[in-house]
Amino acid sequence: MAEYSTNDGAAEAETPLTRAERKQARRLKRFDNPWLNPKLMWGVGLLLGIIALGLLGRIFWDPDLVFVGSGLPRQTPFGFENMRGQAGTLAHPLGTDGGGRDLLALLIIGAPNTLFVGLLASLIGMSIGIFLGFSAGFLGGRTDDTIRVLADVMITIPPLLILVVFQSSFGDVSLTMMALLIAGFVWQSPTRLIRAQVLSMKRSGYVQMAQLSGAGTFHIMFREMMPNLVPYLFGSFIASVTTSIVTAVGLEVLGLGPQRIPTLGRTIYEAINAGALIQNLWWWWGLPTLLLATMFIGLLLINLGLDEVSNPRLRKLS
């Protein structure tokens, strides 16, 4: 039996761990990884569920039902013509919209489209933000002044107003074009965040040691700084996805954005425009809204989880 000395000098016996206890200790240590944060896992699970709806739903349900119908009803002084919306049946488990289109097929096609716009706009915005943020923070001088002023000016411009004017001028746009438009307004926040972090890291000891040892600019940026920025980049990316989806859905609910491509925002717009609220067709607007709320809750949980990963104090409080 092994023995060891405590601070007061008394020898105490150490009970050897059994095989089962050692196995349990290794399991607990493995789950102590900060990236296995419950909020982060729940958020990722919700988003994966929505992605699975789009991918697997096409296998188990006919997505072409989204195009089967007589078109949207028209409002007349006497009510709505061709209103064919019905509640869930065996043929249409989630019901149909006012034009007779299957709502489950609309969600299977529309949810991934909405998520695609948010992800693509955020990827483009983050790429611009990383480049400009690193350039401003690392190079400093006139480069920093120019980028900082440009970001400050862009923040003062209301993006929704510019996007409404642009889309009103060009009419129907594709999902990719819409993502590009939104990306032009979501790069400022990551640029400011990365610039501030790079300025802080430039004064740290390990960066100054790398500079004194003759390391090149790219080595310092991508080998010394970038690993420490990963949690912040993930958090900024998730915030950009949320902003991009809110902007896209806001445009679609106003009747802008893609006109012939099903999305969650477009479905809500059609439901409101066809009087689904007063016709008591709650499933037409309620189910897309519920799916959007689930998407936002998932993104929020991921953001909270990433905050705890990057901040040990928050991990201790949770």
C-alpha atoms as a PDB file:
ATOM      1  CA  MET A   1       0.000   0.000   0.000  1.00  0.00           C
ATOM      2  CA  ALA A   2       1.456   3.368  -1.045  1.00  0.00           C
ATOM      3  CA  GLU A   3       1.955   6.173   1.496  1.00  0.00           C
ATOM      4  CA  TYR A   4       2.462   9.892   1.171  1.00  0.00           C
ATOM      5  CA  SER A   5       3.080  12.812   3.531  1.00  0.00           C
ATOM      6  CA  THR A   6       0.552  15.581   4.075  1.00  0.00           C
ATOM      7  CA  ASN A   7       1.372  19.220   4.921  1.00  0.00           C
ATOM      8  CA  ASP A   8       1.371  18.553   8.655  1.00  0.00           C
ATOM      9  CA  GLY A   9       3.753  15.683   8.209  1.00  0.00           C
ATOM     10  CA  ALA A  10       1.326  12.926   9.064  1.00  0.00           C
ATOM     11  CA  ALA A  11       1.511   9.872   6.894  1.00  0.00           C
ATOM     12  CA  GLU A  12      -1.773   8.773   5.464  1.00  0.00           C
ATOM     13  CA  ALA A  13      -2.538   5.725   3.539  1.00  0.00           C
ATOM     14  CA  GLU A  14      -3.592   6.119  -0.095  1.00  0.00           C
ATOM     15  CA  THR A  15      -6.196   3.670  -1.198  1.00  0.00           C
ATOM     16  CA  PRO A  16      -5.392   2.412  -4.695  1.00  0.00           C
ATOM     17  CA  LEU A  17      -8.134   3.013  -7.232  1.00  0.00           C
ATOM     18  CA  THR A  18      -9.913  -0.003  -8.522  1.00  0.00           C
ATOM     19  CA  ARG A  19     -10.084  -0.651 -12.257  1.00  0.00           C
ATOM     20  CA  ALA A  20     -13.691   0.555 -12.408  1.00  0.00           C
ATOM     21  CA  GLU A  21     -12.833   3.768 -10.553  1.00  0.00           C
ATOM     22  CA  ARG A  22      -9.913   4.492 -12.888  1.00  0.00           C
ATOM     23  CA  LYS A  23     -12.200   3.916 -15.869  1.00  0.00           C
ATOM     24  CA  GLN A  24     -14.812   6.284 -14.419  1.00  0.00           C
ATOM     25  CA  ALA A  25     -12.126   8.918 -13.713  1.00  0.00           C
ATOM     26  CA  ARG A  26     -10.924   8.753 -17.333  1.00  0.00           C
ATOM     27  CA  ARG A  27     -14.524   9.087 -18.535  1.00  0.00           C
ATOM     28  CA  LEU A  28     -15.120  12.144 -16.341  1.00  0.00           C
ATOM     29  CA  LYS A  29     -11.872  13.726 -17.531  1.00  0.00           C
ATOM     30  CA  ARG A  30     -12.891  13.162 -21.136  1.00  0.00           C
ATOM     31  CA  PHE A  31     -16.247  14.917 -20.582  1.00  0.00           C
ATOM     32  CA  ASP A  32     -14.482  17.822 -18.816  1.00  0.00           C
ATOM     33  CA  ASN A  33     -13.584  19.195 -22.257  1.00  0.00           C
ATOM     34  CA  PRO A  34     -14.928  22.802 -22.497  1.00  0.00           C
ATOM     35  CA  TRP A  35     -16.017  22.171 -26.101  1.00  0.00           C
ATOM     36  CA  LEU A  36     -18.521  19.595 -24.764  1.00  0.00           C
ATOM     37  CA  ASN A  37     -20.487  22.436 -23.197  1.00  0.00           C
ATOM     38  CA  PRO A  38     -24.206  21.485 -22.791  1.00  0.00           C
ATOM     39  CA  LYS A  39     -25.432  24.750 -24.319  1.00  0.00           C
ATOM     40  CA  LEU A  40     -23.105  24.282 -27.278  1.00  0.00           C
ATOM     41  CA  MET A  41     -24.184  20.669 -27.756  1.00  0.00           C
ATOM     42  CA  TRP A  42     -27.898  21.536 -27.585  1.00  0.00           C
ATOM     43  CA  GLY A  43     -27.468  24.381 -30.048  1.00  0.00           C
ATOM     44  CA  VAL A  44     -25.547  22.238 -32.511  1.00  0.00           C
ATOM     45  CA  GLY A  45     -28.153  19.495 -32.106  1.00  0.00           C
ATOM     46  CA  LEU A  46     -31.021  21.866 -32.961  1.00  0.00           C
ATOM     47  CA  LEU A  47     -29.264  23.135 -36.081  1.00  0.00           C
ATOM     48  CA  LEU A  48     -28.328  19.618 -37.159  1.00  0.00           C
ATOM     49  CA  GLY A  49     -31.989  18.663 -36.738  1.00  0.00           C
ATOM     50  CA  ILE A  50     -33.036  21.441 -39.144  1.00  0.00           C
ATOM     51  CA  ILE A  51     -30.327  20.416 -41.623  1.00  0.00           C
ATOM     52  CA  ALA A  52     -31.469  16.793 -41.324  1.00  0.00           C
ATOM     53  CA  LEU A  53     -35.023  17.928 -42.078  1.00  0.00           C
ATOM     54  CA  GLY A  54     -33.801  19.371 -45.369  1.00  0.00           C
ATOM     55  CA  LEU A  55     -31.554  16.441 -46.294  1.00  0.00           C
ATOM     56  CA  LEU A  56     -33.517  13.432 -45.066  1.00  0.00           C
ATOM     57  CA  GLY A  57     -36.926  14.983 -45.681  1.00  0.00           C
ATOM     58  CA  ARG A  58     -36.309  14.837 -49.424  1.00  0.00           C
ATOM     59  CA  ILE A  59     -35.794  11.085 -49.106  1.00  0.00           C
ATOM     60  CA  PHE A  60     -38.922  10.317 -47.101  1.00  0.00           C
ATOM     61  CA  TRP A  61     -41.239  12.986 -48.543  1.00  0.00           C
ATOM     62  CA  ASP A  62     -41.847  14.182 -52.088  1.00  0.00           C
ATOM     63  CA  PRO A  63     -40.355  17.710 -52.348  1.00  0.00           C
ATOM     64  CA  ASP A  64     -42.175  18.294 -55.664  1.00  0.00           C
ATOM     65  CA  LEU A  65     -45.398  18.700 -53.646  1.00  0.00           C
ATOM     66  CA  VAL A  66     -44.151  22.235 -52.989  1.00  0.00           C
ATOM     67  CA  PHE A  67     -45.078  23.071 -56.595  1.00  0.00           C
ATOM     68  CA  VAL A  68     -48.463  21.301 -56.621  1.00  0.00           C
ATOM     69  CA  GLY A  69     -51.335  23.724 -56.186  1.00  0.00           C
ATOM     70  CA  SER A  70     -53.510  26.246 -57.914  1.00  0.00           C
ATOM     71  CA  GLY A  71     -51.444  29.268 -56.933  1.00  0.00           C
ATOM     72  CA  LEU A  72     -51.975  31.682 -54.097  1.00  0.00           C
ATOM     73  CA  PRO A  73     -55.513  32.953 -53.396  1.00  0.00           C
ATOM     74  CA  ARG A  74     -56.464  36.446 -54.469  1.00  0.00           C
ATOM     75  CA  GLN A  75     -58.198  38.943 -52.245  1.00  0.00           C
ATOM     76  CA  THR A  76     -61.468  40.364 -53.532  1.00  0.00           C
ATOM     77  CA  PRO A  77     -64.048  42.689 -51.935  1.00  0.00           C
ATOM     78  CA  PHE A  78     -65.986  39.538 -50.994  1.00  0.00           C
ATOM     79  CA  GLY A  79     -63.104  37.566 -49.489  1.00  0.00           C
ATOM     80  CA  PHE A  80     -60.268  35.385 -50.812  1.00  0.00           C
ATOM     81  CA  GLU A  81     -60.668  33.398 -54.034  1.00  0.00           C
ATOM     82  CA  ASN A  82     -59.273  29.864 -54.430  1.00  0.00           C
ATOM     83  CA  MET A  83     -58.499  29.531 -50.710  1.00  0.00           C
ATOM     84  CA  ARG A  84     -57.624  25.825 -50.457  1.00  0.00           C
ATOM     85  CA  GLY A  85     -55.733  25.647 -47.184  1.00  0.00           C
ATOM     86  CA  GLN A  86     -56.576  22.670 -44.988  1.00  0.00           C
ATOM     87  CA  ALA A  87     -55.341  21.259 -41.687  1.00  0.00           C
ATOM     88  CA  GLY A  88     -53.219  18.140 -41.397  1.00  0.00           C
ATOM     89  CA  THR A  89     -54.427  14.952 -43.059  1.00  0.00           C
ATOM     90  CA  LEU A  90     -52.821  11.634 -43.970  1.00  0.00           C
ATOM     91  CA  ALA A  91     -52.037  12.996 -47.443  1.00  0.00           C
ATOM     92  CA  HIS A  92     -50.664  16.258 -46.021  1.00  0.00           C
ATOM     93  CA  PRO A  93     -49.507  15.709 -42.389  1.00  0.00           C
ATOM     94  CA  LEU A  94     -48.775  19.412 -41.743  1.00  0.00           C
ATOM     95  CA  GLY A  95     -51.655  20.689 -43.869  1.00  0.00           C
ATOM     96  CA  THR A  96     -51.586  22.809 -47.010  1.00  0.00           C
ATOM     97  CA  ASP A  97     -51.252  26.507 -47.662  1.00  0.00           C
ATOM     98  CA  GLY A  98     -53.933  28.651 -49.256  1.00  0.00           C
ATOM     99  CA  GLY A  99     -52.863  27.504 -52.732  1.00  0.00           C
ATOM    100  CA  GLY A 100     -53.108  23.807 -51.881  1.00  0.00           C
ATOM    101  CA  ARG A 101     -49.324  23.263 -51.639  1.00  0.00           C
ATOM    102  CA  ASP A 102     -48.040  20.742 -49.117  1.00  0.00           C
ATOM    103  CA  LEU A 103     -46.655  22.606 -46.080  1.00  0.00           C
ATOM    104  CA  LEU A 104     -44.246  19.811 -45.069  1.00  0.00           C
ATOM    105  CA  ALA A 105     -42.642  20.028 -48.522  1.00  0.00           C
ATOM    106  CA  LEU A 106     -42.476  23.828 -48.143  1.00  0.00           C
ATOM    107  CA  LEU A 107     -40.602  23.460 -44.846  1.00  0.00           C
ATOM    108  CA  ILE A 108     -38.279  20.757 -46.234  1.00  0.00           C
ATOM    109  CA  ILE A 109     -37.292  23.045 -49.113  1.00  0.00           C
ATOM    110  CA  GLY A 110     -37.596  26.401 -47.338  1.00  0.00           C
ATOM    111  CA  ALA A 111     -35.651  25.795 -44.104  1.00  0.00           C
ATOM    112  CA  PRO A 112     -32.338  24.821 -45.788  1.00  0.00           C
ATOM    113  CA  ASN A 113     -32.719  27.751 -48.196  1.00  0.00           C
ATOM    114  CA  THR A 114     -33.071  30.204 -45.306  1.00  0.00           C
ATOM    115  CA  LEU A 115     -30.115  28.623 -43.498  1.00  0.00           C
ATOM    116  CA  PHE A 116     -28.072  28.675 -46.729  1.00  0.00           C
ATOM    117  CA  VAL A 117     -28.515  32.443 -47.111  1.00  0.00           C
ATOM    118  CA  GLY A 118     -27.437  33.024 -43.501  1.00  0.00           C
ATOM    119  CA  LEU A 119     -24.397  30.744 -43.699  1.00  0.00           C
ATOM    120  CA  LEU A 120     -23.177  32.008 -47.086  1.00  0.00           C
ATOM    121  CA  ALA A 121     -23.592  35.675 -46.141  1.00  0.00           C
ATOM    122  CA  SER A 122     -21.741  35.052 -42.871  1.00  0.00           C
ATOM    123  CA  LEU A 123     -18.902  33.132 -44.529  1.00  0.00           C
ATOM    124  CA  ILE A 124     -18.333  35.979 -46.987  1.00  0.00           C
ATOM    125  CA  GLY A 125     -18.707  38.627 -44.278  1.00  0.00           C
ATOM    126  CA  MET A 126     -16.315  36.768 -41.940  1.00  0.00           C
ATOM    127  CA  SER A 127     -13.723  36.378 -44.698  1.00  0.00           C
ATOM    128  CA  ILE A 128     -13.818  40.124 -45.328  1.00  0.00           C
ATOM    129  CA  GLY A 129     -13.780  40.825 -41.594  1.00  0.00           C
ATOM    130  CA  ILE A 130     -10.767  38.549 -40.916  1.00  0.00           C
ATOM    131  CA  PHE A 131      -8.758  40.133 -43.731  1.00  0.00           C
ATOM    132  CA  LEU A 132      -9.599  43.727 -42.819  1.00  0.00           C
ATOM    133  CA  GLY A 133      -9.376  43.160 -39.053  1.00  0.00           C
ATOM    134  CA  PHE A 134      -5.928  41.553 -39.269  1.00  0.00           C
ATOM    135  CA  SER A 135      -4.717  44.231 -41.678  1.00  0.00           C
ATOM    136  CA  ALA A 136      -5.940  47.072 -39.467  1.00  0.00           C
ATOM    137  CA  GLY A 137      -4.668  45.618 -36.196  1.00  0.00           C
ATOM    138  CA  PHE A 138      -1.338  44.293 -37.421  1.00  0.00           C
ATOM    139  CA  LEU A 139      -0.266  46.969 -39.904  1.00  0.00           C
ATOM    140  CA  GLY A 140      -1.709  49.959 -38.033  1.00  0.00           C
ATOM    141  CA  GLY A 141      -1.071  53.490 -39.285  1.00  0.00           C
ATOM    142  CA  ARG A 142      -3.055  54.706 -42.279  1.00  0.00           C
ATOM    143  CA  THR A 143      -4.327  51.205 -43.018  1.00  0.00           C
ATOM    144  CA  ASP A 144      -5.886  51.032 -39.568  1.00  0.00           C
ATOM    145  CA  ASP A 145      -7.361  54.530 -39.852  1.00  0.00           C
ATOM    146  CA  THR A 146      -8.888  53.826 -43.278  1.00  0.00           C
ATOM    147  CA  ILE A 147     -10.452  50.493 -42.308  1.00  0.00           C
ATOM    148  CA  ARG A 148     -11.714  51.824 -38.979  1.00  0.00           C
ATOM    149  CA  VAL A 149     -13.376  54.836 -40.579  1.00  0.00           C
ATOM    150  CA  LEU A 150     -14.890  52.659 -43.328  1.00  0.00           C
ATOM    151  CA  ALA A 151     -16.353  50.252 -40.747  1.00  0.00           C
ATOM    152  CA  ASP A 152     -17.703  53.136 -38.651  1.00  0.00           C
ATOM    153  CA  VAL A 153     -19.347  54.710 -41.698  1.00  0.00           C
ATOM    154  CA  MET A 154     -20.939  51.430 -42.795  1.00  0.00           C
ATOM    155  CA  ILE A 155     -22.367  50.835 -39.319  1.00  0.00           C
ATOM    156  CA  THR A 156     -24.220  54.154 -39.476  1.00  0.00           C
ATOM    157  CA  ILE A 157     -25.955  53.180 -42.748  1.00  0.00           C
ATOM    158  CA  PRO A 158     -29.235  51.272 -42.136  1.00  0.00           C
ATOM    159  CA  PRO A 159     -28.751  48.025 -44.094  1.00  0.00           C
ATOM    160  CA  LEU A 160     -32.435  47.168 -44.363  1.00  0.00           C
ATOM    161  CA  LEU A 161     -33.195  50.461 -46.125  1.00  0.00           C
ATOM    162  CA  ILE A 162     -30.364  49.967 -48.655  1.00  0.00           C
ATOM    163  CA  LEU A 163     -31.393  46.361 -49.316  1.00  0.00           C
ATOM    164  CA  VAL A 164     -35.045  47.352 -49.788  1.00  0.00           C
ATOM    165  CA  VAL A 165     -34.037  50.014 -52.340  1.00  0.00           C
ATOM    166  CA  PHE A 166     -31.700  47.598 -54.148  1.00  0.00           C
ATOM    167  CA  GLN A 167     -34.212  44.772 -54.331  1.00  0.00           C
ATOM    168  CA  SER A 168     -37.027  47.089 -55.354  1.00  0.00           C
ATOM    169  CA  SER A 169     -34.852  48.195 -58.276  1.00  0.00           C
ATOM    170  CA  PHE A 170     -33.728  44.745 -59.451  1.00  0.00           C
ATOM    171  CA  GLY A 171     -36.841  42.708 -58.615  1.00  0.00           C
ATOM    172  CA  ASP A 172     -36.393  38.953 -58.267  1.00  0.00           C
ATOM    173  CA  VAL A 173     -32.961  37.779 -57.070  1.00  0.00           C
ATOM    174  CA  SER A 174     -31.397  34.385 -56.428  1.00  0.00           C
ATOM    175  CA  LEU A 175     -30.445  33.047 -53.003  1.00  0.00           C
ATOM    176  CA  THR A 176     -26.761  33.605 -53.773  1.00  0.00           C
ATOM    177  CA  MET A 177     -27.339  37.219 -54.824  1.00  0.00           C
ATOM    178  CA  MET A 178     -29.320  37.840 -51.668  1.00  0.00           C
ATOM    179  CA  ALA A 179     -26.502  36.370 -49.555  1.00  0.00           C
ATOM    180  CA  LEU A 180     -23.975  38.618 -51.318  1.00  0.00           C
ATOM    181  CA  LEU A 181     -26.126  41.665 -50.630  1.00  0.00           C
ATOM    182  CA  ILE A 182     -26.433  40.825 -46.942  1.00  0.00           C
ATOM    183  CA  ALA A 183     -22.705  40.017 -46.677  1.00  0.00           C
ATOM    184  CA  GLY A 184     -21.978  43.644 -47.552  1.00  0.00           C
ATOM    185  CA  PHE A 185     -23.470  44.641 -44.195  1.00  0.00           C
ATOM    186  CA  VAL A 186     -22.263  41.939 -41.794  1.00  0.00           C
ATOM    187  CA  TRP A 187     -18.474  42.318 -42.100  1.00  0.00           C
ATOM    188  CA  GLN A 188     -18.136  45.386 -39.844  1.00  0.00           C
ATOM    189  CA  SER A 189     -18.673  43.616 -36.526  1.00  0.00           C
ATOM    190  CA  PRO A 190     -16.046  40.847 -37.088  1.00  0.00           C
ATOM    191  CA  THR A 191     -13.636  43.452 -38.464  1.00  0.00           C
ATOM    192  CA  ARG A 192     -13.875  45.550 -35.286  1.00  0.00           C
ATOM    193  CA  LEU A 193     -13.651  42.462 -33.030  1.00  0.00           C
ATOM    194  CA  ILE A 194     -10.596  40.991 -34.774  1.00  0.00           C
ATOM    195  CA  ARG A 195      -8.867  44.380 -34.956  1.00  0.00           C
ATOM    196  CA  ALA A 196      -9.276  44.851 -31.186  1.00  0.00           C
ATOM    197  CA  GLN A 197      -8.011  41.330 -30.409  1.00  0.00           C
ATOM    198  CA  VAL A 198      -5.003  41.671 -32.731  1.00  0.00           C
ATOM    199  CA  LEU A 199      -4.079  45.037 -31.179  1.00  0.00           C
ATOM    200  CA  SER A 200      -4.209  43.393 -27.740  1.00  0.00           C
ATOM    201  CA  MET A 201      -2.146  40.385 -28.862  1.00  0.00           C
ATOM    202  CA  LYS A 202       0.528  42.567 -30.446  1.00  0.00           C
ATOM    203  CA  ARG A 203       1.508  43.718 -26.958  1.00  0.00           C
ATOM    204  CA  SER A 204       1.640  40.183 -25.525  1.00  0.00           C
ATOM    205  CA  GLY A 205       4.948  38.583 -24.678  1.00  0.00           C
ATOM    206  CA  TYR A 206       4.780  35.597 -27.019  1.00  0.00           C
ATOM    207  CA  VAL A 207       4.156  37.795 -30.075  1.00  0.00           C
ATOM    208  CA  GLN A 208       7.009  40.128 -29.180  1.00  0.00           C
ATOM    209  CA  MET A 209       9.287  37.119 -28.649  1.00  0.00           C
ATOM    210  CA  ALA A 210       8.313  35.797 -32.087  1.00  0.00           C
ATOM    211  CA  GLN A 211       9.103  39.179 -33.642  1.00  0.00           C
ATOM    212  CA  LEU A 212      12.475  39.353 -31.879  1.00  0.00           C
ATOM    213  CA  SER A 213      13.309  35.839 -33.071  1.00  0.00           C
ATOM    214  CA  GLY A 214      12.819  36.981 -36.672  1.00  0.00           C
ATOM    215  CA  ALA A 215       9.506  35.243 -37.414  1.00  0.00           C
ATOM    216  CA  GLY A 216       7.727  36.481 -40.542  1.00  0.00           C
ATOM    217  CA  THR A 217       4.441  38.371 -40.608  1.00  0.00           C
ATOM    218  CA  PHE A 218       2.390  35.408 -41.833  1.00  0.00           C
ATOM    219  CA  HIS A 219       3.960  33.114 -39.221  1.00  0.00           C
ATOM    220  CA  ILE A 220       3.008  35.532 -36.441  1.00  0.00           C
ATOM    221  CA  MET A 221      -0.495  36.085 -37.801  1.00  0.00           C
ATOM    222  CA  PHE A 222      -1.465  32.485 -38.542  1.00  0.00           C
ATOM    223  CA  ARG A 223       0.722  30.439 -36.163  1.00  0.00           C
ATOM    224  CA  GLU A 224       0.862  32.686 -33.105  1.00  0.00           C
ATOM    225  CA  MET A 225      -2.337  34.782 -33.169  1.00  0.00           C
ATOM    226  CA  MET A 226      -4.917  32.793 -35.111  1.00  0.00           C
ATOM    227  CA  PRO A 227      -5.179  29.818 -32.657  1.00  0.00           C
ATOM    228  CA  ASN A 228      -6.064  32.254 -29.850  1.00  0.00           C
ATOM    229  CA  LEU A 229      -8.705  33.910 -32.012  1.00  0.00           C
ATOM    230  CA  VAL A 230     -10.592  30.716 -32.878  1.00  0.00           C
ATOM    231  CA  PRO A 231     -13.248  30.940 -30.093  1.00  0.00           C
ATOM    232  CA  TYR A 232     -13.847  34.627 -30.911  1.00  0.00           C
ATOM    233  CA  LEU A 233     -14.094  33.847 -34.633  1.00  0.00           C
ATOM    234  CA  PHE A 234     -16.646  31.099 -33.984  1.00  0.00           C
ATOM    235  CA  GLY A 235     -18.702  33.408 -31.753  1.00  0.00           C
ATOM    236  CA  SER A 236     -18.567  36.243 -34.282  1.00  0.00           C
ATOM    237  CA  PHE A 237     -19.535  33.836 -37.074  1.00  0.00           C
ATOM    238  CA  ILE A 238     -22.612  32.595 -35.210  1.00  0.00           C
ATOM    239  CA  ALA A 239     -23.661  36.183 -34.460  1.00  0.00           C
ATOM    240  CA  SER A 240     -23.261  36.993 -38.163  1.00  0.00           C
ATOM    241  CA  VAL A 241     -25.415  34.005 -39.128  1.00  0.00           C
ATOM    242  CA  THR A 242     -28.179  35.223 -36.800  1.00  0.00           C
ATOM    243  CA  THR A 243     -27.973  38.775 -38.205  1.00  0.00           C
ATOM    244  CA  SER A 244     -27.977  37.504 -41.791  1.00  0.00           C
ATOM    245  CA  ILE A 245     -31.034  35.280 -41.254  1.00  0.00           C
ATOM    246  CA  VAL A 246     -32.929  38.072 -39.476  1.00  0.00           C
ATOM    247  CA  THR A 247     -32.144  40.439 -42.366  1.00  0.00           C
ATOM    248  CA  ALA A 248     -33.118  37.877 -45.016  1.00  0.00           C
ATOM    249  CA  VAL A 249     -36.391  36.960 -43.290  1.00  0.00           C
ATOM    250  CA  GLY A 250     -37.164  40.660 -42.737  1.00  0.00           C
ATOM    251  CA  LEU A 251     -36.786  41.334 -46.454  1.00  0.00           C
ATOM    252  CA  GLU A 252     -38.874  38.308 -47.408  1.00  0.00           C
ATOM    253  CA  VAL A 253     -41.689  39.195 -45.017  1.00  0.00           C
ATOM    254  CA  LEU A 254     -41.758  42.606 -46.719  1.00  0.00           C
ATOM    255  CA  GLY A 255     -42.290  40.832 -50.051  1.00  0.00           C
ATOM    256  CA  LEU A 256     -38.700  41.196 -51.297  1.00  0.00           C
ATOM    257  CA  GLY A 257     -35.990  38.597 -51.863  1.00  0.00           C
ATOM    258  CA  PRO A 258     -36.411  35.505 -54.090  1.00  0.00           C
ATOM    259  CA  GLN A 259     -39.925  35.447 -55.519  1.00  0.00           C
ATOM    260  CA  ARG A 260     -40.131  31.868 -56.826  1.00  0.00           C
ATOM    261  CA  ILE A 261     -37.819  30.019 -54.412  1.00  0.00           C
ATOM    262  CA  PRO A 262     -39.477  28.690 -51.233  1.00  0.00           C
ATOM    263  CA  THR A 263     -38.007  30.043 -48.010  1.00  0.00           C
ATOM    264  CA  LEU A 264     -39.393  30.385 -44.498  1.00  0.00           C
ATOM    265  CA  GLY A 265     -39.701  34.164 -44.792  1.00  0.00           C
ATOM    266  CA  ARG A 266     -41.410  33.909 -48.174  1.00  0.00           C
ATOM    267  CA  THR A 267     -43.910  31.376 -46.772  1.00  0.00           C
ATOM    268  CA  ILE A 268     -44.767  33.713 -43.883  1.00  0.00           C
ATOM    269  CA  TYR A 269     -45.167  36.631 -46.315  1.00  0.00           C
ATOM    270  CA  GLU A 270     -47.565  34.633 -48.505  1.00  0.00           C
ATOM    271  CA  ALA A 271     -49.572  33.543 -45.456  1.00  0.00           C
ATOM    272  CA  ILE A 272     -49.922  37.129 -44.206  1.00  0.00           C
ATOM    273  CA  ASN A 273     -50.680  38.473 -47.685  1.00  0.00           C
ATOM    274  CA  ALA A 274     -53.367  35.825 -48.278  1.00  0.00           C
ATOM    275  CA  GLY A 275     -55.106  36.514 -44.976  1.00  0.00           C
ATOM    276  CA  ALA A 276     -54.120  33.309 -43.172  1.00  0.00           C
ATOM    277  CA  LEU A 277     -54.400  35.131 -39.846  1.00  0.00           C
ATOM    278  CA  ILE A 278     -58.057  36.041 -40.304  1.00  0.00           C
ATOM    279  CA  GLN A 279     -58.873  32.735 -42.056  1.00  0.00           C
ATOM    280  CA  ASN A 280     -57.602  30.774 -39.023  1.00  0.00           C
ATOM    281  CA  LEU A 281     -55.024  28.916 -41.140  1.00  0.00           C
ATOM    282  CA  TRP A 282     -52.553  29.065 -38.234  1.00  0.00           C
ATOM    283  CA  TRP A 283     -50.378  26.210 -39.494  1.00  0.00           C
ATOM    284  CA  TRP A 284     -49.518  28.163 -42.671  1.00  0.00           C
ATOM    285  CA  TRP A 285     -47.662  30.914 -40.786  1.00  0.00           C
ATOM    286  CA  GLY A 286     -47.247  29.221 -37.385  1.00  0.00           C
ATOM    287  CA  LEU A 287     -45.085  26.265 -38.428  1.00  0.00           C
ATOM    288  CA  PRO A 288     -42.511  28.324 -40.412  1.00  0.00           C
ATOM    289  CA  THR A 289     -42.374  30.770 -37.497  1.00  0.00           C
ATOM    290  CA  LEU A 290     -41.803  27.887 -35.059  1.00  0.00           C
ATOM    291  CA  LEU A 291     -39.002  26.532 -37.247  1.00  0.00           C
ATOM    292  CA  LEU A 292     -37.394  29.965 -37.397  1.00  0.00           C
ATOM    293  CA  ALA A 293     -37.643  30.292 -33.605  1.00  0.00           C
ATOM    294  CA  THR A 294     -35.968  26.880 -33.217  1.00  0.00           C
ATOM    295  CA  MET A 295     -33.195  28.033 -35.563  1.00  0.00           C
ATOM    296  CA  PHE A 296     -32.603  31.207 -33.543  1.00  0.00           C
ATOM    297  CA  ILE A 297     -32.655  29.321 -30.222  1.00  0.00           C
ATOM    298  CA  GLY A 298     -30.043  26.916 -31.603  1.00  0.00           C
ATOM    299  CA  LEU A 299     -27.818  29.803 -32.718  1.00  0.00           C
ATOM    300  CA  LEU A 300     -28.248  31.546 -29.352  1.00  0.00           C
ATOM    301  CA  LEU A 301     -27.266  28.397 -27.425  1.00  0.00           C
ATOM    302  CA  ILE A 302     -24.198  27.950 -29.630  1.00  0.00           C
ATOM    303  CA  ASN A 303     -23.188  31.552 -28.992  1.00  0.00           C
ATOM    304  CA  LEU A 304     -23.632  31.155 -25.215  1.00  0.00           C
ATOM    305  CA  GLY A 305     -21.656  27.911 -25.303  1.00  0.00           C
ATOM    306  CA  LEU A 306     -18.810  29.527 -27.241  1.00  0.00           C
ATOM    307  CA  ASP A 307     -18.743  32.388 -24.724  1.00  0.00           C
ATOM    308  CA  GLU A 308     -18.183  29.850 -21.960  1.00  0.00           C
ATOM    309  CA  VAL A 309     -15.494  28.069 -23.989  1.00  0.00           C
ATOM    310  CA  SER A 310     -13.542  31.301 -24.505  1.00  0.00           C
ATOM    311  CA  ASN A 311     -14.148  32.643 -20.976  1.00  0.00           C
ATOM    312  CA  PRO A 312     -13.179  30.304 -18.062  1.00  0.00           C
ATOM    313  CA  ARG A 313     -14.969  32.583 -15.547  1.00  0.00           C
ATOM    314  CA  LEU A 314     -18.304  31.938 -17.264  1.00  0.00           C
ATOM    315  CA  ARG A 315     -17.587  28.181 -17.187  1.00  0.00           C
ATOM    316  CA  LYS A 316     -17.176  28.291 -13.422  1.00  0.00           C
ATOM    317  CA  LEU A 317     -20.414  30.242 -12.949  1.00  0.00           C
ATOM    318  CA  SER A 318     -22.500  27.930 -15.160  1.00  0.00           C
END
